[in-house]
Amino acid sequence: MGRAKEPVTLSAEQIHDLHGKLRTMRHDINNHLSLIVAAAELIRYKPDMIERMSATLIEQPPKITAEMAKFSSELERLLGVAP
């Protein structure tokens, strides 16, 4: 990660916007994790569901990674520390 060349000042509006994006990211990641837990529980109690639920399990990590990358890019842009 790069280093800011000078102090960074964010406006109240930018901070508010960034906080909203952080809340959205947390919410979306929690949703993806909930799907993982639900699929694992279904597989535990109904092993015949493994084939159907494995797709749900496999789809979630890339979605989580994408959510984190999206927020990280925005944060790095605002802070002037893009990689």
Protein backbone atom coordinates (compact mmCIF):
# COMPACT_ATOMS: atom_id res chain seq x y z
CA MET A 1 0.00 0.00 0.00
CA GLY A 2 1.22 3.46 -0.83
CA ARG A 3 1.70 6.27 1.59
CA ALA A 4 -0.01 9.64 1.46
CA LYS A 5 2.39 12.35 0.36
CA GLU A 6 0.67 14.99 2.50
CA PRO A 7 -1.98 15.16 5.22
CA VAL A 8 -5.44 14.13 4.09
CA THR A 9 -8.52 16.11 5.03
CA LEU A 10 -11.97 14.67 4.50
CA SER A 11 -15.10 16.74 4.57
CA ALA A 12 -18.00 15.85 6.84
CA GLU A 13 -19.90 14.76 3.74
CA GLN A 14 -17.06 12.47 2.62
CA ILE A 15 -16.87 10.92 6.08
CA HIS A 16 -20.65 10.43 6.13
CA ASP A 17 -20.51 8.82 2.67
CA LEU A 18 -17.61 6.58 3.66
CA HIS A 19 -19.42 5.52 6.82
CA GLY A 20 -22.49 4.62 4.73
CA LYS A 21 -20.33 2.51 2.44
CA LEU A 22 -18.77 0.79 5.46
CA ARG A 23 -22.24 0.00 6.87
CA THR A 24 -23.34 -1.38 3.50
CA MET A 25 -20.21 -3.53 3.24
CA ARG A 26 -20.71 -4.94 6.76
CA HIS A 27 -24.37 -5.68 6.00
CA ASP A 28 -23.59 -7.40 2.70
CA ILE A 29 -20.75 -9.47 4.16
CA ASN A 30 -22.98 -10.54 7.07
CA ASN A 31 -25.60 -11.64 4.52
CA HIS A 32 -23.04 -13.73 2.65
CA LEU A 33 -21.82 -15.29 5.90
CA SER A 34 -25.42 -16.05 6.91
CA LEU A 35 -25.87 -17.96 3.66
CA ILE A 36 -22.73 -19.98 4.41
CA VAL A 37 -24.00 -20.84 7.90
CA ALA A 38 -27.47 -21.72 6.60
CA ALA A 39 -26.05 -23.96 3.87
CA ALA A 40 -23.75 -25.70 6.36
CA GLU A 41 -26.66 -26.29 8.75
CA LEU A 42 -28.83 -27.70 5.97
CA ILE A 43 -26.03 -30.03 4.91
CA ARG A 44 -25.56 -31.14 8.53
CA TYR A 45 -29.20 -32.07 9.02
CA LYS A 46 -30.04 -33.05 5.45
CA PRO A 47 -26.92 -34.58 3.87
CA ASP A 48 -28.87 -35.15 0.65
CA MET A 49 -28.80 -31.35 0.16
CA ILE A 50 -25.00 -31.23 -0.20
CA GLU A 51 -24.98 -30.99 -3.97
CA ARG A 52 -27.50 -28.15 -4.01
CA MET A 53 -25.97 -26.26 -1.09
CA SER A 54 -22.37 -26.63 -2.23
CA ALA A 55 -23.01 -24.05 -4.94
CA THR A 56 -24.19 -21.57 -2.28
CA LEU A 57 -21.07 -22.27 -0.22
CA ILE A 58 -18.73 -21.82 -3.17
CA GLU A 59 -20.37 -18.58 -4.38
CA GLN A 60 -20.03 -16.64 -1.12
CA PRO A 61 -16.25 -16.14 -0.62
CA PRO A 62 -15.75 -14.34 -3.97
CA LYS A 63 -18.70 -12.08 -3.15
CA ILE A 64 -17.18 -11.24 0.23
CA THR A 65 -13.82 -10.55 -1.39
CA ALA A 66 -15.49 -8.28 -3.96
CA GLU A 67 -17.31 -6.30 -1.23
CA MET A 68 -14.07 -5.77 0.68
CA ALA A 69 -12.14 -4.81 -2.47
CA LYS A 70 -14.81 -2.29 -3.47
CA PHE A 71 -14.71 -0.56 -0.09
CA SER A 72 -10.91 -0.74 0.14
CA SER A 73 -10.51 0.90 -3.27
CA GLU A 74 -12.80 3.75 -2.29
CA LEU A 75 -11.01 4.24 1.02
CA GLU A 76 -7.58 4.19 -0.61
CA ARG A 77 -8.75 6.68 -3.23
CA LEU A 78 -10.06 9.08 -0.60
CA LEU A 79 -6.89 8.77 1.46
CA GLY A 80 -4.62 9.11 -1.57
CA VAL A 81 -2.84 5.85 -0.86
CA ALA A 82 -3.82 3.79 -3.90
CA PRO A 83 -1.50 0.81 -4.38
